[in-house]
Amino acid sequence: MHELGIVFHVIKMAEKAAEENQADQVASVTLRLGEVSGAIPHELTSCWNWAVKKTERMREAELIIETIPAVTLCEDCGKTYPTVPQGKTCPHCGSGNTYLTQGNEIQLKEITVT
Protein backbone atom coordinates (compact mmCIF):
# COMPACT_ATOMS: atom_id res chain seq x y z
CA MET A 1 0.00 0.00 0.00
CA HIS A 2 1.85 3.08 -1.21
CA GLU A 3 -0.84 5.36 0.22
CA LEU A 4 0.67 4.93 3.69
CA GLY A 5 4.08 5.99 2.38
CA ILE A 6 2.53 9.06 0.76
CA VAL A 7 0.78 9.93 4.01
CA PHE A 8 3.96 9.56 6.07
CA HIS A 9 5.83 11.82 3.64
CA VAL A 10 3.09 14.48 3.70
CA ILE A 11 2.91 14.39 7.51
CA LYS A 12 6.68 14.88 7.69
CA MET A 13 6.46 17.88 5.36
CA ALA A 14 3.51 19.39 7.26
CA GLU A 15 5.22 18.98 10.63
CA LYS A 16 8.35 20.64 9.25
CA ALA A 17 6.27 23.56 7.91
CA ALA A 18 4.55 23.95 11.27
CA GLU A 19 7.87 23.93 13.09
CA GLU A 20 9.40 26.49 10.71
CA ASN A 21 6.40 28.77 11.27
CA GLN A 22 6.34 28.27 15.06
CA ALA A 23 2.80 26.87 14.80
CA ASP A 24 1.35 24.64 17.48
CA GLN A 25 -0.98 22.64 15.25
CA VAL A 26 -1.59 21.71 11.64
CA ALA A 27 -5.27 22.30 10.89
CA SER A 28 -5.42 20.86 7.38
CA VAL A 29 -3.43 19.63 4.43
CA THR A 30 -4.67 19.88 0.86
CA LEU A 31 -3.42 17.38 -1.70
CA ARG A 32 -4.06 17.57 -5.43
CA LEU A 33 -4.39 14.00 -6.65
CA GLY A 34 -4.26 13.06 -10.32
CA GLU A 35 -7.14 10.96 -11.55
CA VAL A 36 -4.72 8.28 -12.81
CA SER A 37 -1.97 8.77 -10.21
CA GLY A 38 -2.48 5.28 -8.83
CA ALA A 39 -3.28 6.56 -5.34
CA ILE A 40 -6.76 5.72 -4.07
CA PRO A 41 -8.43 8.67 -2.30
CA HIS A 42 -10.36 6.66 0.30
CA GLU A 43 -7.21 4.67 1.12
CA LEU A 44 -5.25 7.90 1.56
CA THR A 45 -7.95 9.21 3.88
CA SER A 46 -8.00 5.99 5.88
CA CYS A 47 -4.22 5.99 6.26
CA TRP A 48 -4.30 9.69 7.13
CA ASN A 49 -6.90 9.25 9.87
CA TRP A 50 -4.80 6.51 11.44
CA ALA A 51 -1.38 8.19 11.08
CA VAL A 52 -2.23 11.71 12.33
CA LYS A 53 -3.43 10.26 15.64
CA LYS A 54 0.18 9.21 16.25
CA THR A 55 1.48 12.81 16.06
CA GLU A 56 1.39 15.76 18.43
CA ARG A 57 0.91 18.62 15.98
CA MET A 58 -1.52 16.90 13.64
CA ARG A 59 -3.99 14.93 15.75
CA GLU A 60 -6.99 16.84 14.40
CA ALA A 61 -5.59 17.77 10.98
CA GLU A 62 -7.98 17.32 8.09
CA LEU A 63 -6.89 15.87 4.76
CA ILE A 64 -8.50 17.63 1.80
CA ILE A 65 -8.16 15.92 -1.57
CA GLU A 66 -8.71 17.77 -4.84
CA THR A 67 -8.84 15.77 -8.07
CA ILE A 68 -6.74 16.69 -11.09
CA PRO A 69 -8.53 15.36 -14.16
CA ALA A 70 -6.52 13.15 -16.50
CA VAL A 71 -6.12 14.76 -19.93
CA THR A 72 -4.50 13.22 -23.00
CA LEU A 73 -3.14 15.05 -26.06
CA CYS A 74 -3.21 13.54 -29.55
CA GLU A 75 -0.04 14.39 -31.45
CA ASP A 76 -1.71 13.70 -34.80
CA CYS A 77 -4.75 15.99 -34.59
CA GLY A 78 -3.56 18.23 -31.73
CA LYS A 79 -6.75 17.85 -29.69
CA THR A 80 -7.04 16.96 -26.03
CA TYR A 81 -9.60 14.71 -24.42
CA PRO A 82 -10.49 13.20 -21.02
CA THR A 83 -8.29 10.15 -20.54
CA VAL A 84 -10.36 7.96 -18.25
CA PRO A 85 -13.41 7.43 -20.48
CA GLN A 86 -11.38 7.30 -23.72
CA GLY A 87 -8.06 5.64 -22.93
CA LYS A 88 -5.05 5.91 -25.24
CA THR A 89 -6.92 6.08 -28.56
CA CYS A 90 -7.94 9.58 -29.64
CA PRO A 91 -11.73 9.87 -29.93
CA HIS A 92 -11.35 12.67 -32.50
CA CYS A 93 -9.16 10.97 -35.13
CA GLY A 94 -8.60 7.39 -33.91
CA SER A 95 -4.84 7.80 -33.51
CA GLY A 96 -2.85 6.02 -30.84
CA ASN A 97 -0.11 8.65 -31.04
CA THR A 98 -1.14 10.22 -27.74
CA TYR A 99 0.31 11.09 -24.35
CA LEU A 100 -0.94 12.09 -20.94
CA THR A 101 -0.54 15.81 -20.24
CA GLN A 102 -1.94 15.83 -16.71
CA GLY A 103 -3.59 13.60 -14.18
CA ASN A 104 -0.83 11.34 -12.89
CA GLU A 105 0.63 13.76 -10.37
CA ILE A 106 0.33 14.07 -6.60
CA GLN A 107 0.90 17.62 -5.37
CA LEU A 108 0.98 19.13 -1.91
CA LYS A 109 -1.11 22.25 -2.44
CA GLU A 110 -1.54 23.77 1.00
CA ILE A 111 -0.75 23.33 4.67
CA THR A 112 -2.87 25.32 7.11
CA VAL A 113 -1.42 25.82 10.60
CA THR A 114 -2.76 27.41 13.77
C-alpha atoms as a PDB file:
ATOM      1  CA  MET A   1       0.000   0.000   0.000  1.00  0.00           C
ATOM      2  CA  HIS A   2       1.850   3.075  -1.214  1.00  0.00           C
ATOM      3  CA  GLU A   3      -0.842   5.363   0.219  1.00  0.00           C
ATOM      4  CA  LEU A   4       0.668   4.933   3.687  1.00  0.00           C
ATOM      5  CA  GLY A   5       4.082   5.992   2.375  1.00  0.00           C
ATOM      6  CA  ILE A   6       2.532   9.055   0.759  1.00  0.00           C
ATOM      7  CA  VAL A   7       0.776   9.930   4.013  1.00  0.00           C
ATOM      8  CA  PHE A   8       3.963   9.564   6.070  1.00  0.00           C
ATOM      9  CA  HIS A   9       5.826  11.820   3.637  1.00  0.00           C
ATOM     10  CA  VAL A  10       3.086  14.480   3.698  1.00  0.00           C
ATOM     11  CA  ILE A  11       2.914  14.394   7.505  1.00  0.00           C
ATOM     12  CA  LYS A  12       6.676  14.877   7.693  1.00  0.00           C
ATOM     13  CA  MET A  13       6.464  17.881   5.359  1.00  0.00           C
ATOM     14  CA  ALA A  14       3.509  19.389   7.255  1.00  0.00           C
ATOM     15  CA  GLU A  15       5.222  18.981  10.631  1.00  0.00           C
ATOM     16  CA  LYS A  16       8.345  20.645   9.245  1.00  0.00           C
ATOM     17  CA  ALA A  17       6.267  23.558   7.905  1.00  0.00           C
ATOM     18  CA  ALA A  18       4.545  23.947  11.274  1.00  0.00           C
ATOM     19  CA  GLU A  19       7.874  23.934  13.093  1.00  0.00           C
ATOM     20  CA  GLU A  20       9.397  26.489  10.705  1.00  0.00           C
ATOM     21  CA  ASN A  21       6.398  28.767  11.268  1.00  0.00           C
ATOM     22  CA  GLN A  22       6.341  28.265  15.059  1.00  0.00           C
ATOM     23  CA  ALA A  23       2.799  26.874  14.798  1.00  0.00           C
ATOM     24  CA  ASP A  24       1.345  24.639  17.481  1.00  0.00           C
ATOM     25  CA  GLN A  25      -0.976  22.639  15.249  1.00  0.00           C
ATOM     26  CA  VAL A  26      -1.590  21.710  11.640  1.00  0.00           C
ATOM     27  CA  ALA A  27      -5.271  22.299  10.892  1.00  0.00           C
ATOM     28  CA  SER A  28      -5.416  20.863   7.383  1.00  0.00           C
ATOM     29  CA  VAL A  29      -3.428  19.626   4.429  1.00  0.00           C
ATOM     30  CA  THR A  30      -4.665  19.879   0.856  1.00  0.00           C
ATOM     31  CA  LEU A  31      -3.417  17.378  -1.705  1.00  0.00           C
ATOM     32  CA  ARG A  32      -4.056  17.566  -5.430  1.00  0.00           C
ATOM     33  CA  LEU A  33      -4.394  14.004  -6.655  1.00  0.00           C
ATOM     34  CA  GLY A  34      -4.263  13.058 -10.322  1.00  0.00           C
ATOM     35  CA  GLU A  35      -7.143  10.961 -11.552  1.00  0.00           C
ATOM     36  CA  VAL A  36      -4.724   8.277 -12.810  1.00  0.00           C
ATOM     37  CA  SER A  37      -1.966   8.771 -10.210  1.00  0.00           C
ATOM     38  CA  GLY A  38      -2.481   5.283  -8.827  1.00  0.00           C
ATOM     39  CA  ALA A  39      -3.276   6.563  -5.336  1.00  0.00           C
ATOM     40  CA  ILE A  40      -6.759   5.718  -4.075  1.00  0.00           C
ATOM     41  CA  PRO A  41      -8.430   8.673  -2.305  1.00  0.00           C
ATOM     42  CA  HIS A  42     -10.360   6.665   0.302  1.00  0.00           C
ATOM     43  CA  GLU A  43      -7.212   4.675   1.120  1.00  0.00           C
ATOM     44  CA  LEU A  44      -5.246   7.905   1.557  1.00  0.00           C
ATOM     45  CA  THR A  45      -7.947   9.210   3.880  1.00  0.00           C
ATOM     46  CA  SER A  46      -8.001   5.992   5.881  1.00  0.00           C
ATOM     47  CA  CYS A  47      -4.215   5.991   6.264  1.00  0.00           C
ATOM     48  CA  TRP A  48      -4.297   9.693   7.129  1.00  0.00           C
ATOM     49  CA  ASN A  49      -6.896   9.247   9.867  1.00  0.00           C
ATOM     50  CA  TRP A  50      -4.795   6.506  11.437  1.00  0.00           C
ATOM     51  CA  ALA A  51      -1.385   8.195  11.081  1.00  0.00           C
ATOM     52  CA  VAL A  52      -2.225  11.706  12.326  1.00  0.00           C
ATOM     53  CA  LYS A  53      -3.430  10.258  15.635  1.00  0.00           C
ATOM     54  CA  LYS A  54       0.177   9.214  16.255  1.00  0.00           C
ATOM     55  CA  THR A  55       1.482  12.809  16.058  1.00  0.00           C
ATOM     56  CA  GLU A  56       1.386  15.763  18.427  1.00  0.00           C
ATOM     57  CA  ARG A  57       0.907  18.621  15.976  1.00  0.00           C
ATOM     58  CA  MET A  58      -1.516  16.895  13.637  1.00  0.00           C
ATOM     59  CA  ARG A  59      -3.986  14.927  15.754  1.00  0.00           C
ATOM     60  CA  GLU A  60      -6.985  16.837  14.398  1.00  0.00           C
ATOM     61  CA  ALA A  61      -5.593  17.768  10.976  1.00  0.00           C
ATOM     62  CA  GLU A  62      -7.985  17.321   8.089  1.00  0.00           C
ATOM     63  CA  LEU A  63      -6.894  15.871   4.757  1.00  0.00           C
ATOM     64  CA  ILE A  64      -8.502  17.630   1.805  1.00  0.00           C
ATOM     65  CA  ILE A  65      -8.158  15.918  -1.571  1.00  0.00           C
ATOM     66  CA  GLU A  66      -8.712  17.771  -4.838  1.00  0.00           C
ATOM     67  CA  THR A  67      -8.840  15.767  -8.068  1.00  0.00           C
ATOM     68  CA  ILE A  68      -6.743  16.691 -11.088  1.00  0.00           C
ATOM     69  CA  PRO A  69      -8.534  15.358 -14.163  1.00  0.00           C
ATOM     70  CA  ALA A  70      -6.521  13.149 -16.504  1.00  0.00           C
ATOM     71  CA  VAL A  71      -6.121  14.763 -19.930  1.00  0.00           C
ATOM     72  CA  THR A  72      -4.504  13.219 -23.003  1.00  0.00           C
ATOM     73  CA  LEU A  73      -3.143  15.049 -26.059  1.00  0.00           C
ATOM     74  CA  CYS A  74      -3.215  13.542 -29.549  1.00  0.00           C
ATOM     75  CA  GLU A  75      -0.038  14.393 -31.447  1.00  0.00           C
ATOM     76  CA  ASP A  76      -1.706  13.704 -34.805  1.00  0.00           C
ATOM     77  CA  CYS A  77      -4.752  15.992 -34.589  1.00  0.00           C
ATOM     78  CA  GLY A  78      -3.564  18.226 -31.729  1.00  0.00           C
ATOM     79  CA  LYS A  79      -6.750  17.846 -29.694  1.00  0.00           C
ATOM     80  CA  THR A  80      -7.036  16.963 -26.026  1.00  0.00           C
ATOM     81  CA  TYR A  81      -9.596  14.712 -24.422  1.00  0.00           C
ATOM     82  CA  PRO A  82     -10.486  13.202 -21.018  1.00  0.00           C
ATOM     83  CA  THR A  83      -8.286  10.153 -20.537  1.00  0.00           C
ATOM     84  CA  VAL A  84     -10.363   7.957 -18.248  1.00  0.00           C
ATOM     85  CA  PRO A  85     -13.413   7.428 -20.478  1.00  0.00           C
ATOM     86  CA  GLN A  86     -11.383   7.299 -23.722  1.00  0.00           C
ATOM     87  CA  GLY A  87      -8.061   5.642 -22.931  1.00  0.00           C
ATOM     88  CA  LYS A  88      -5.053   5.906 -25.240  1.00  0.00           C
ATOM     89  CA  THR A  89      -6.918   6.076 -28.559  1.00  0.00           C
ATOM     90  CA  CYS A  90      -7.939   9.576 -29.640  1.00  0.00           C
ATOM     91  CA  PRO A  91     -11.727   9.873 -29.926  1.00  0.00           C
ATOM     92  CA  HIS A  92     -11.345  12.667 -32.500  1.00  0.00           C
ATOM     93  CA  CYS A  93      -9.158  10.969 -35.126  1.00  0.00           C
ATOM     94  CA  GLY A  94      -8.600   7.391 -33.910  1.00  0.00           C
ATOM     95  CA  SER A  95      -4.837   7.799 -33.514  1.00  0.00           C
ATOM     96  CA  GLY A  96      -2.854   6.020 -30.838  1.00  0.00           C
ATOM     97  CA  ASN A  97      -0.108   8.649 -31.043  1.00  0.00           C
ATOM     98  CA  THR A  98      -1.135  10.219 -27.738  1.00  0.00           C
ATOM     99  CA  TYR A  99       0.307  11.086 -24.355  1.00  0.00           C
ATOM    100  CA  LEU A 100      -0.938  12.086 -20.941  1.00  0.00           C
ATOM    101  CA  THR A 101      -0.537  15.810 -20.238  1.00  0.00           C
ATOM    102  CA  GLN A 102      -1.941  15.829 -16.712  1.00  0.00           C
ATOM    103  CA  GLY A 103      -3.594  13.597 -14.176  1.00  0.00           C
ATOM    104  CA  ASN A 104      -0.829  11.336 -12.894  1.00  0.00           C
ATOM    105  CA  GLU A 105       0.628  13.759 -10.366  1.00  0.00           C
ATOM    106  CA  ILE A 106       0.329  14.074  -6.601  1.00  0.00           C
ATOM    107  CA  GLN A 107       0.902  17.620  -5.374  1.00  0.00           C
ATOM    108  CA  LEU A 108       0.975  19.125  -1.911  1.00  0.00           C
ATOM    109  CA  LYS A 109      -1.108  22.247  -2.443  1.00  0.00           C
ATOM    110  CA  GLU A 110      -1.538  23.768   0.997  1.00  0.00           C
ATOM    111  CA  ILE A 111      -0.754  23.332   4.668  1.00  0.00           C
ATOM    112  CA  THR A 112      -2.868  25.317   7.111  1.00  0.00           C
ATOM    113  CA  VAL A 113      -1.421  25.823  10.598  1.00  0.00           C
ATOM    114  CA  THR A 114      -2.763  27.411  13.771  1.00  0.00           C
END
